[in-house]
PDB file of N, CA and C in Angstrom:
ATOM      1  N   ALA A   1      74.466 110.966 151.411  1.00  0.00           N
ATOM      2  CA  ALA A   1      75.865 110.586 151.268  1.00  0.00           C
ATOM      3  C   ALA A   1      75.957 109.469 150.236  1.00  0.00           C
ATOM      4  N   TRP A   2      77.032 109.459 149.504  1.00  0.00           N
ATOM      5  CA  TRP A   2      77.254 108.446 148.470  1.00  0.00           C
ATOM      6  C   TRP A   2      78.631 107.840 148.710  1.00  0.00           C
ATOM      7  N   ASP A   3      78.677 106.512 148.879  1.00  0.00           N
ATOM      8  CA  ASP A   3      79.943 105.797 148.995  1.00  0.00           C
ATOM      9  C   ASP A   3      80.235 105.136 147.655  1.00  0.00           C
ATOM     10  N   VAL A   4      81.182 105.683 146.930  1.00  0.00           N
ATOM     11  CA  VAL A   4      81.576 105.189 145.612  1.00  0.00           C
ATOM     12  C   VAL A   4      82.485 103.984 145.789  1.00  0.00           C
ATOM     13  N   GLY A   5      82.221 102.909 145.068  1.00  0.00           N
ATOM     14  CA  GLY A   5      83.033 101.703 145.203  1.00  0.00           C
ATOM     15  C   GLY A   5      82.868 101.104 146.583  1.00  0.00           C
ATOM     16  N   THR A   6      81.644 100.989 147.035  1.00  0.00           N
ATOM     17  CA  THR A   6      81.358 100.602 148.416  1.00  0.00           C
ATOM     18  C   THR A   6      81.801  99.187 148.770  1.00  0.00           C
ATOM     19  N   GLY A   7      81.975  98.327 147.762  1.00  0.00           N
ATOM     20  CA  GLY A   7      82.385  96.945 148.052  1.00  0.00           C
ATOM     21  C   GLY A   7      81.366  96.260 148.939  1.00  0.00           C
ATOM     22  N   SER A   8      81.814  95.724 150.055  1.00  0.00           N
ATOM     23  CA  SER A   8      80.915  95.030 150.982  1.00  0.00           C
ATOM     24  C   SER A   8      80.269  95.995 151.974  1.00  0.00           C
ATOM     25  N   GLY A   9      80.396  97.279 151.749  1.00  0.00           N
ATOM     26  CA  GLY A   9      79.701  98.275 152.548  1.00  0.00           C
ATOM     27  C   GLY A   9      80.290  98.565 153.911  1.00  0.00           C
ATOM     28  N   GLN A  10      81.584  98.398 154.064  1.00  0.00           N
ATOM     29  CA  GLN A  10      82.211  98.613 155.368  1.00  0.00           C
ATOM     30  C   GLN A  10      82.039 100.040 155.890  1.00  0.00           C
ATOM     31  N   ALA A  11      81.952 101.014 155.001  1.00  0.00           N
ATOM     32  CA  ALA A  11      81.810 102.408 155.425  1.00  0.00           C
ATOM     33  C   ALA A  11      80.350 102.826 155.608  1.00  0.00           C
ATOM     34  N   ILE A  12      79.431 101.971 155.235  1.00  0.00           N
ATOM     35  CA  ILE A  12      78.014 102.342 155.222  1.00  0.00           C
ATOM     36  C   ILE A  12      77.401 102.537 156.610  1.00  0.00           C
ATOM     37  N   PRO A  13      77.594 101.649 157.595  1.00  0.00           N
ATOM     38  CA  PRO A  13      76.914 101.844 158.885  1.00  0.00           C
ATOM     39  C   PRO A  13      77.143 103.204 159.547  1.00  0.00           C
ATOM     40  N   PRO A  14      78.384 103.710 159.613  1.00  0.00           N
ATOM     41  CA  PRO A  14      78.543 105.037 160.214  1.00  0.00           C
ATOM     42  C   PRO A  14      77.857 106.135 159.399  1.00  0.00           C
ATOM     43  N   LEU A  15      77.879 106.007 158.072  1.00  0.00           N
ATOM     44  CA  LEU A  15      77.212 106.994 157.231  1.00  0.00           C
ATOM     45  C   LEU A  15      75.706 106.968 157.467  1.00  0.00           C
ATOM     46  N   ALA A  16      75.150 105.767 157.616  1.00  0.00           N
ATOM     47  CA  ALA A  16      73.706 105.615 157.823  1.00  0.00           C
ATOM     48  C   ALA A  16      73.253 106.238 159.138  1.00  0.00           C
ATOM     49  N   LYS A  17      74.152 106.325 160.092  1.00  0.00           N
ATOM     50  CA  LYS A  17      73.817 106.971 161.369  1.00  0.00           C
ATOM     51  C   LYS A  17      73.834 108.493 161.255  1.00  0.00           C
ATOM     52  N   MET A  18      74.609 109.014 160.304  1.00  0.00           N
ATOM     53  CA  MET A  18      74.788 110.456 160.186  1.00  0.00           C
ATOM     54  C   MET A  18      73.915 111.117 159.122  1.00  0.00           C
ATOM     55  N   PHE A  19      73.462 110.331 158.139  1.00  0.00           N
ATOM     56  CA  PHE A  19      72.735 110.900 157.012  1.00  0.00           C
ATOM     57  C   PHE A  19      71.368 110.250 156.852  1.00  0.00           C
ATOM     58  N   GLU A  20      70.416 111.047 156.412  1.00  0.00           N
ATOM     59  CA  GLU A  20      69.046 110.569 156.214  1.00  0.00           C
ATOM     60  C   GLU A  20      68.972 109.516 155.111  1.00  0.00           C
ATOM     61  N   LYS A  21      69.760 109.719 154.064  1.00  0.00           N
ATOM     62  CA  LYS A  21      69.756 108.814 152.916  1.00  0.00           C
ATOM     63  C   LYS A  21      71.196 108.538 152.500  1.00  0.00           C
ATOM     64  N   VAL A  22      71.518 107.254 152.307  1.00  0.00           N
ATOM     65  CA  VAL A  22      72.865 106.852 151.918  1.00  0.00           C
ATOM     66  C   VAL A  22      72.762 105.946 150.700  1.00  0.00           C
ATOM     67  N   ILE A  23      73.677 106.140 149.759  1.00  0.00           N
ATOM     68  CA  ILE A  23      73.740 105.326 148.552  1.00  0.00           C
ATOM     69  C   ILE A  23      75.129 104.709 148.471  1.00  0.00           C
ATOM     70  N   GLY A  24      75.172 103.426 148.167  1.00  0.00           N
ATOM     71  CA  GLY A  24      76.428 102.738 147.918  1.00  0.00           C
ATOM     72  C   GLY A  24      76.419 102.194 146.505  1.00  0.00           C
ATOM     73  N   THR A  25      77.477 102.430 145.758  1.00  0.00           N
ATOM     74  CA  THR A  25      77.575 101.889 144.406  1.00  0.00           C
ATOM     75  C   THR A  25      78.828 101.042 144.286  1.00  0.00           C
ATOM     76  N   ASP A  26      78.713  99.977 143.490  1.00  0.00           N
ATOM     77  CA  ASP A  26      79.866  99.115 143.259  1.00  0.00           C
ATOM     78  C   ASP A  26      79.667  98.362 141.952  1.00  0.00           C
ATOM     79  N   THR A  27      80.755  97.827 141.418  1.00  0.00           N
ATOM     80  CA  THR A  27      80.714  97.081 140.163  1.00  0.00           C
ATOM     81  C   THR A  27      80.559  95.581 140.389  1.00  0.00           C
ATOM     82  N   SER A  28      80.546  95.148 141.640  1.00  0.00           N
ATOM     83  CA  SER A  28      80.518  93.720 141.955  1.00  0.00           C
ATOM     84  C   SER A  28      79.214  93.307 142.659  1.00  0.00           C
ATOM     85  N   THR A  29      78.459  92.445 142.023  1.00  0.00           N
ATOM     86  CA  THR A  29      77.238  91.900 142.633  1.00  0.00           C
ATOM     87  C   THR A  29      77.574  91.160 143.916  1.00  0.00           C
ATOM     88  N   LYS A  30      78.632  90.368 143.888  1.00  0.00           N
ATOM     89  CA  LYS A  30      79.011  89.581 145.075  1.00  0.00           C
ATOM     90  C   LYS A  30      79.328  90.475 146.267  1.00  0.00           C
ATOM     91  N   GLN A  31      80.032  91.563 146.026  1.00  0.00           N
ATOM     92  CA  GLN A  31      80.350  92.488 147.109  1.00  0.00           C
ATOM     93  C   GLN A  31      79.076  93.131 147.662  1.00  0.00           C
ATOM     94  N   LEU A  32      78.198  93.575 146.782  1.00  0.00           N
ATOM     95  CA  LEU A  32      76.968  94.227 147.227  1.00  0.00           C
ATOM     96  C   LEU A  32      76.066  93.280 148.017  1.00  0.00           C
ATOM     97  N   GLU A  33      76.103  91.990 147.700  1.00  0.00           N
ATOM     98  CA  GLU A  33      75.316  91.010 148.450  1.00  0.00           C
ATOM     99  C   GLU A  33      75.769  90.927 149.907  1.00  0.00           C
ATOM    100  N   LEU A  34      77.027  91.252 150.165  1.00  0.00           N
ATOM    101  CA  LEU A  34      77.577  91.204 151.528  1.00  0.00           C
ATOM    102  C   LEU A  34      77.343  92.492 152.315  1.00  0.00           C
ATOM    103  N   ALA A  35      76.913  93.533 151.639  1.00  0.00           N
ATOM    104  CA  ALA A  35      76.760  94.850 152.281  1.00  0.00           C
ATOM    105  C   ALA A  35      75.599  94.843 153.278  1.00  0.00           C
ATOM    106  N   PRO A  36      75.751  95.588 154.386  1.00  0.00           N
ATOM    107  CA  PRO A  36      74.695  95.626 155.402  1.00  0.00           C
ATOM    108  C   PRO A  36      73.395  96.222 154.855  1.00  0.00           C
ATOM    109  N   LYS A  37      72.296  95.575 155.199  1.00  0.00           N
ATOM    110  CA  LYS A  37      70.971  96.047 154.773  1.00  0.00           C
ATOM    111  C   LYS A  37      70.421  96.947 155.870  1.00  0.00           C
ATOM    112  N   LEU A  38      70.322  98.226 155.580  1.00  0.00           N
ATOM    113  CA  LEU A  38      69.836  99.216 156.538  1.00  0.00           C
ATOM    114  C   LEU A  38      68.685  99.992 155.894  1.00  0.00           C
ATOM    115  N   PRO A  39      67.723 100.458 156.701  1.00  0.00           N
ATOM    116  CA  PRO A  39      66.517 101.068 156.130  1.00  0.00           C
ATOM    117  C   PRO A  39      66.745 102.331 155.309  1.00  0.00           C
ATOM    118  N   ASN A  40      67.775 103.080 155.577  1.00  0.00           N
ATOM    119  CA  ASN A  40      68.015 104.328 154.843  1.00  0.00           C
ATOM    120  C   ASN A  40      69.153 104.213 153.830  1.00  0.00           C
ATOM    121  N   VAL A  41      69.485 102.971 153.456  1.00  0.00           N
ATOM    122  CA  VAL A  41      70.587 102.730 152.526  1.00  0.00           C
ATOM    123  C   VAL A  41      70.079 102.004 151.287  1.00  0.00           C
ATOM    124  N   THR A  42      70.509 102.471 150.128  1.00  0.00           N
ATOM    125  CA  THR A  42      70.191 101.824 148.862  1.00  0.00           C
ATOM    126  C   THR A  42      71.497 101.547 148.136  1.00  0.00           C
ATOM    127  N   TYR A  43      71.605 100.342 147.580  1.00  0.00           N
ATOM    128  CA  TYR A  43      72.802  99.958 146.828  1.00  0.00           C
ATOM    129  C   TYR A  43      72.461  99.840 145.354  1.00  0.00           C
ATOM    130  N   PHE A  44      73.422 100.185 144.511  1.00  0.00           N
ATOM    131  CA  PHE A  44      73.254 100.080 143.077  1.00  0.00           C
ATOM    132  C   PHE A  44      74.469  99.400 142.461  1.00  0.00           C
ATOM    133  N   LEU A  45      74.222  98.442 141.586  1.00  0.00           N
ATOM    134  CA  LEU A  45      75.270  97.823 140.785  1.00  0.00           C
ATOM    135  C   LEU A  45      75.523  98.748 139.601  1.00  0.00           C
ATOM    136  N   THR A  46      76.768  99.161 139.425  1.00  0.00           N
ATOM    137  CA  THR A  46      77.097 100.122 138.375  1.00  0.00           C
ATOM    138  C   THR A  46      78.293  99.636 137.561  1.00  0.00           C
ATOM    139  N   PRO A  47      78.395 100.095 136.321  1.00  0.00           N
ATOM    140  CA  PRO A  47      79.590  99.796 135.535  1.00  0.00           C
ATOM    141  C   PRO A  47      80.767 100.603 136.064  1.00  0.00           C
ATOM    142  N   PRO A  48      81.984 100.238 135.686  1.00  0.00           N
ATOM    143  CA  PRO A  48      83.159 100.950 136.192  1.00  0.00           C
ATOM    144  C   PRO A  48      83.246 102.399 135.734  1.00  0.00           C
ATOM    145  N   THR A  49      82.667 102.727 134.607  1.00  0.00           N
ATOM    146  CA  THR A  49      82.715 104.087 134.084  1.00  0.00           C
ATOM    147  C   THR A  49      81.295 104.522 133.756  1.00  0.00           C
ATOM    148  N   MET A  50      80.932 105.720 134.239  1.00  0.00           N
ATOM    149  CA  MET A  50      79.588 106.242 133.986  1.00  0.00           C
ATOM    150  C   MET A  50      79.644 107.740 133.748  1.00  0.00           C
ATOM    151  N   SER A  51      78.800 108.203 132.844  1.00  0.00           N
ATOM    152  CA  SER A  51      78.640 109.644 132.672  1.00  0.00           C
ATOM    153  C   SER A  51      77.715 110.148 133.781  1.00  0.00           C
ATOM    154  N   ILE A  52      77.637 111.450 133.947  1.00  0.00           N
ATOM    155  CA  ILE A  52      76.736 112.017 134.944  1.00  0.00           C
ATOM    156  C   ILE A  52      75.293 111.653 134.612  1.00  0.00           C
ATOM    157  N   ASP A  53      74.929 111.669 133.336  1.00  0.00           N
ATOM    158  CA  ASP A  53      73.571 111.273 132.944  1.00  0.00           C
ATOM    159  C   ASP A  53      73.286 109.828 133.344  1.00  0.00           C
ATOM    160  N   GLU A  54      74.266 108.944 133.154  1.00  0.00           N
ATOM    161  CA  GLU A  54      74.082 107.537 133.537  1.00  0.00           C
ATOM    162  C   GLU A  54      73.958 107.389 135.047  1.00  0.00           C
ATOM    163  N   VAL A  55      74.714 108.169 135.806  1.00  0.00           N
ATOM    164  CA  VAL A  55      74.589 108.133 137.264  1.00  0.00           C
ATOM    165  C   VAL A  55      73.164 108.502 137.663  1.00  0.00           C
ATOM    166  N   GLN A  56      72.641 109.561 137.077  1.00  0.00           N
ATOM    167  CA  GLN A  56      71.292 110.012 137.407  1.00  0.00           C
ATOM    168  C   GLN A  56      70.240 108.984 137.006  1.00  0.00           C
ATOM    169  N   GLN A  57      70.421 108.313 135.880  1.00  0.00           N
ATOM    170  CA  GLN A  57      69.458 107.322 135.411  1.00  0.00           C
ATOM    171  C   GLN A  57      69.509 106.039 136.236  1.00  0.00           C
ATOM    172  N   THR A  58      70.694 105.660 136.711  1.00  0.00           N
ATOM    173  CA  THR A  58      70.878 104.408 137.426  1.00  0.00           C
ATOM    174  C   THR A  58      70.554 104.522 138.909  1.00  0.00           C
ATOM    175  N   THR A  59      70.854 105.661 139.482  1.00  0.00           N
ATOM    176  CA  THR A  59      70.681 105.853 140.927  1.00  0.00           C
ATOM    177  C   THR A  59      69.672 106.971 141.179  1.00  0.00           C
ATOM    178  N   SER A  60      69.427 107.252 142.414  1.00  0.00           N
ATOM    179  CA  SER A  60      68.537 108.369 142.756  1.00  0.00           C
ATOM    180  C   SER A  60      69.334 109.649 143.019  1.00  0.00           C
ATOM    181  N   ILE A  61      70.599 109.657 142.644  1.00  0.00           N
ATOM    182  CA  ILE A  61      71.449 110.828 142.834  1.00  0.00           C
ATOM    183  C   ILE A  61      71.116 111.852 141.758  1.00  0.00           C
ATOM    184  N   SER A  62      70.887 113.069 142.178  1.00  0.00           N
ATOM    185  CA  SER A  62      70.620 114.133 141.221  1.00  0.00           C
ATOM    186  C   SER A  62      71.543 115.314 141.512  1.00  0.00           C
ATOM    187  N   GLU A  63      71.563 116.219 140.569  1.00  0.00           N
ATOM    188  CA  GLU A  63      72.407 117.408 140.678  1.00  0.00           C
ATOM    189  C   GLU A  63      72.160 118.127 142.003  1.00  0.00           C
ATOM    190  N   SER A  64      73.215 118.433 142.702  1.00  0.00           N
ATOM    191  CA  SER A  64      73.184 119.164 143.979  1.00  0.00           C
ATOM    192  C   SER A  64      72.397 118.456 145.074  1.00  0.00           C
ATOM    193  N   SER A  65      72.306 117.117 145.009  1.00  0.00           N
ATOM    194  CA  SER A  65      71.553 116.389 146.037  1.00  0.00           C
ATOM    195  C   SER A  65      72.457 115.749 147.079  1.00  0.00           C
ATOM    196  N   LEU A  66      73.756 115.913 146.945  1.00  0.00           N
ATOM    197  CA  LEU A  66      74.698 115.251 147.843  1.00  0.00           C
ATOM    198  C   LEU A  66      75.359 116.239 148.793  1.00  0.00           C
ATOM    199  N   ASP A  67      75.562 115.786 150.023  1.00  0.00           N
ATOM    200  CA  ASP A  67      76.335 116.556 150.989  1.00  0.00           C
ATOM    201  C   ASP A  67      77.713 115.945 151.207  1.00  0.00           C
ATOM    202  N   LEU A  68      77.849 114.649 150.907  1.00  0.00           N
ATOM    203  CA  LEU A  68      79.119 113.960 151.126  1.00  0.00           C
ATOM    204  C   LEU A  68      79.284 112.867 150.086  1.00  0.00           C
ATOM    205  N   VAL A  69      80.473 112.778 149.510  1.00  0.00           N
ATOM    206  CA  VAL A  69      80.857 111.653 148.656  1.00  0.00           C
ATOM    207  C   VAL A  69      82.086 111.038 149.290  1.00  0.00           C
ATOM    208  N   THR A  70      81.994 109.748 149.613  1.00  0.00           N
ATOM    209  CA  THR A  70      83.143 109.047 150.176  1.00  0.00           C
ATOM    210  C   THR A  70      83.655 108.015 149.177  1.00  0.00           C
ATOM    211  N   VAL A  71      84.920 107.734 149.286  1.00  0.00           N
ATOM    212  CA  VAL A  71      85.556 106.659 148.534  1.00  0.00           C
ATOM    213  C   VAL A  71      86.363 105.899 149.571  1.00  0.00           C
ATOM    214  N   ALA A  72      85.666 105.048 150.308  1.00  0.00           N
ATOM    215  CA  ALA A  72      86.266 104.444 151.489  1.00  0.00           C
ATOM    216  C   ALA A  72      87.279 103.352 151.170  1.00  0.00           C
ATOM    217  N   GLU A  73      86.971 102.527 150.227  1.00  0.00           N
ATOM    218  CA  GLU A  73      87.848 101.377 149.967  1.00  0.00           C
ATOM    219  C   GLU A  73      88.272 101.262 148.507  1.00  0.00           C
ATOM    220  N   ALA A  74      87.919 102.232 147.679  1.00  0.00           N
ATOM    221  CA  ALA A  74      88.144 102.078 146.247  1.00  0.00           C
ATOM    222  C   ALA A  74      88.935 103.204 145.604  1.00  0.00           C
ATOM    223  N   LEU A  75      89.603 104.010 146.397  1.00  0.00           N
ATOM    224  CA  LEU A  75      90.307 105.170 145.844  1.00  0.00           C
ATOM    225  C   LEU A  75      91.310 104.767 144.758  1.00  0.00           C
ATOM    226  N   HIS A  76      91.950 103.634 144.935  1.00  0.00           N
ATOM    227  CA  HIS A  76      92.958 103.181 143.974  1.00  0.00           C
ATOM    228  C   HIS A  76      92.359 102.836 142.608  1.00  0.00           C
ATOM    229  N   TRP A  77      91.032 102.702 142.521  1.00  0.00           N
ATOM    230  CA  TRP A  77      90.379 102.383 141.248  1.00  0.00           C
ATOM    231  C   TRP A  77      89.980 103.625 140.466  1.00  0.00           C
ATOM    232  N   LEU A  78      89.989 104.794 141.102  1.00  0.00           N
ATOM    233  CA  LEU A  78      89.427 105.982 140.482  1.00  0.00           C
ATOM    234  C   LEU A  78      90.470 106.846 139.791  1.00  0.00           C
ATOM    235  N   GLN A  79      90.014 107.536 138.766  1.00  0.00           N
ATOM    236  CA  GLN A  79      90.840 108.508 138.054  1.00  0.00           C
ATOM    237  C   GLN A  79      90.174 109.865 138.255  1.00  0.00           C
ATOM    238  N   PHE A  80      90.895 110.814 138.822  1.00  0.00           N
ATOM    239  CA  PHE A  80      90.329 112.120 139.141  1.00  0.00           C
ATOM    240  C   PHE A  80      90.690 113.153 138.086  1.00  0.00           C
ATOM    241  N   LEU A  81      89.784 114.097 137.879  1.00  0.00           N
ATOM    242  CA  LEU A  81      90.040 115.238 137.004  1.00  0.00           C
ATOM    243  C   LEU A  81      90.619 116.373 137.825  1.00  0.00           C
ATOM    244  N   ARG A  82      91.556 117.093 137.240  1.00  0.00           N
ATOM    245  CA  ARG A  82      92.009 118.339 137.855  1.00  0.00           C
ATOM    246  C   ARG A  82      90.900 119.373 137.661  1.00  0.00           C
ATOM    247  N   PRO A  83      90.797 120.349 138.568  1.00  0.00           N
ATOM    248  CA  PRO A  83      89.761 121.376 138.391  1.00  0.00           C
ATOM    249  C   PRO A  83      89.796 122.026 137.009  1.00  0.00           C
ATOM    250  N   SER A  84      90.992 122.213 136.448  1.00  0.00           N
ATOM    251  CA  SER A  84      91.101 122.839 135.128  1.00  0.00           C
ATOM    252  C   SER A  84      90.573 121.939 134.011  1.00  0.00           C
ATOM    253  N   GLU A  85      90.426 120.635 134.274  1.00  0.00           N
ATOM    254  CA  GLU A  85      89.919 119.693 133.275  1.00  0.00           C
ATOM    255  C   GLU A  85      88.403 119.511 133.351  1.00  0.00           C
ATOM    256  N   MET A  86      87.780 120.076 134.380  1.00  0.00           N
ATOM    257  CA  MET A  86      86.341 119.914 134.553  1.00  0.00           C
ATOM    258  C   MET A  86      85.579 120.786 133.575  1.00  0.00           C
ATOM    259  N   GLY A  87      84.587 120.185 132.954  1.00  0.00           N
ATOM    260  CA  GLY A  87      83.691 120.931 132.086  1.00  0.00           C
ATOM    261  C   GLY A  87      82.431 121.313 132.836  1.00  0.00           C
ATOM    262  N   PRO A  88      81.459 121.893 132.156  1.00  0.00           N
ATOM    263  CA  PRO A  88      80.225 122.316 132.810  1.00  0.00           C
ATOM    264  C   PRO A  88      79.465 121.155 133.444  1.00  0.00           C
ATOM    265  N   GLU A  89      79.541 119.961 132.835  1.00  0.00           N
ATOM    266  CA  GLU A  89      78.828 118.808 133.381  1.00  0.00           C
ATOM    267  C   GLU A  89      79.356 118.430 134.760  1.00  0.00           C
ATOM    268  N   GLU A  90      80.674 118.401 134.929  1.00  0.00           N
ATOM    269  CA  GLU A  90      81.258 118.078 136.227  1.00  0.00           C
ATOM    270  C   GLU A  90      81.052 119.215 137.219  1.00  0.00           C
ATOM    271  N   ALA A  91      81.164 120.443 136.762  1.00  0.00           N
ATOM    272  CA  ALA A  91      81.056 121.591 137.654  1.00  0.00           C
ATOM    273  C   ALA A  91      79.670 121.701 138.273  1.00  0.00           C
ATOM    274  N   GLN A  92      78.626 121.272 137.556  1.00  0.00           N
ATOM    275  CA  GLN A  92      77.275 121.391 138.110  1.00  0.00           C
ATOM    276  C   GLN A  92      77.097 120.521 139.342  1.00  0.00           C
ATOM    277  N   TRP A  93      77.935 119.527 139.511  1.00  0.00           N
ATOM    278  CA  TRP A  93      77.843 118.647 140.683  1.00  0.00           C
ATOM    279  C   TRP A  93      78.613 119.198 141.869  1.00  0.00           C
ATOM    280  N   ALA A  94      79.470 120.134 141.626  1.00  0.00           N
ATOM    281  CA  ALA A  94      80.310 120.671 142.698  1.00  0.00           C
ATOM    282  C   ALA A  94      79.606 121.831 143.378  1.00  0.00           C
ATOM    283  N   HIS A  95      78.501 121.549 144.024  1.00  0.00           N
ATOM    284  CA  HIS A  95      77.748 122.616 144.678  1.00  0.00           C
ATOM    285  C   HIS A  95      78.395 123.005 145.997  1.00  0.00           C
ATOM    286  N   ARG A  96      78.042 124.167 146.475  1.00  0.00           N
ATOM    287  CA  ARG A  96      78.584 124.680 147.733  1.00  0.00           C
ATOM    288  C   ARG A  96      78.235 123.728 148.868  1.00  0.00           C
ATOM    289  N   GLY A  97      79.214 123.334 149.628  1.00  0.00           N
ATOM    290  CA  GLY A  97      78.995 122.472 150.778  1.00  0.00           C
ATOM    291  C   GLY A  97      79.258 121.001 150.519  1.00  0.00           C
ATOM    292  N   LEU A  98      79.410 120.593 149.252  1.00  0.00           N
ATOM    293  CA  LEU A  98      79.705 119.191 148.967  1.00  0.00           C
ATOM    294  C   LEU A  98      81.111 118.867 149.434  1.00  0.00           C
ATOM    295  N   VAL A  99      81.253 117.740 150.113  1.00  0.00           N
ATOM    296  CA  VAL A  99      82.557 117.301 150.597  1.00  0.00           C
ATOM    297  C   VAL A  99      82.894 115.982 149.930  1.00  0.00           C
ATOM    298  N   LEU A 100      84.075 115.902 149.320  1.00  0.00           N
ATOM    299  CA  LEU A 100      84.611 114.650 148.809  1.00  0.00           C
ATOM    300  C   LEU A 100      85.629 114.184 149.826  1.00  0.00           C
ATOM    301  N   TYR A 101      85.392 113.001 150.383  1.00  0.00           N
ATOM    302  CA  TYR A 101      86.234 112.515 151.480  1.00  0.00           C
ATOM    303  C   TYR A 101      86.786 111.131 151.145  1.00  0.00           C
ATOM    304  N   PRO A 102      87.900 111.068 150.408  1.00  0.00           N
ATOM    305  CA  PRO A 102      88.528 109.781 150.143  1.00  0.00           C
ATOM    306  C   PRO A 102      89.382 109.365 151.337  1.00  0.00           C
ATOM    307  N   TYR A 103      89.266 108.138 151.745  1.00  0.00           N
ATOM    308  CA  TYR A 103      90.091 107.656 152.861  1.00  0.00           C
ATOM    309  C   TYR A 103      90.289 106.156 152.741  1.00  0.00           C
ATOM    310  N   ALA A 104      91.263 105.664 153.451  1.00  0.00           N
ATOM    311  CA  ALA A 104      91.539 104.232 153.485  1.00  0.00           C
ATOM    312  C   ALA A 104      91.317 103.719 154.898  1.00  0.00           C
ATOM    313  N   ARG A 105      91.023 102.463 155.002  1.00  0.00           N
ATOM    314  CA  ARG A 105      90.778 101.867 156.320  1.00  0.00           C
ATOM    315  C   ARG A 105      91.914 102.204 157.268  1.00  0.00           C
ATOM    316  N   GLY A 106      91.568 102.567 158.488  1.00  0.00           N
ATOM    317  CA  GLY A 106      92.559 102.944 159.478  1.00  0.00           C
ATOM    318  C   GLY A 106      92.930 104.422 159.446  1.00  0.00           C
ATOM    319  N   GLN A 107      92.399 105.166 158.441  1.00  0.00           N
ATOM    320  CA  GLN A 107      92.705 106.589 158.323  1.00  0.00           C
ATOM    321  C   GLN A 107      91.456 107.450 158.458  1.00  0.00           C
ATOM    322  N   ARG A 108      90.403 106.940 159.026  1.00  0.00           N
ATOM    323  CA  ARG A 108      89.118 107.659 159.104  1.00  0.00           C
ATOM    324  C   ARG A 108      89.164 108.734 160.138  1.00  0.00           C
TER     325      ARG A 108
END
């Protein structure tokens, strides 16, 4: 599971109970320092905009390696592509069974 814009990692503990490996990414060092340290969780400091190649180089996320992508506290920061705007690079990540689950606190 990957929590995009994880901030202080508020969504991480429940994910860590459900998934073997969890990744949290954020643009703020200070926020990541506050995130819970759990044995199956890895955090990465990332720039606000990344290509798929940069994601793969910066994190351990690879093509078709995710079962869940959450955007627990950062949905308002993201810009989404419509399916018709996706090219082959984006489509290769949309494997069968991947779930994108954006939510806000109190709506889980």
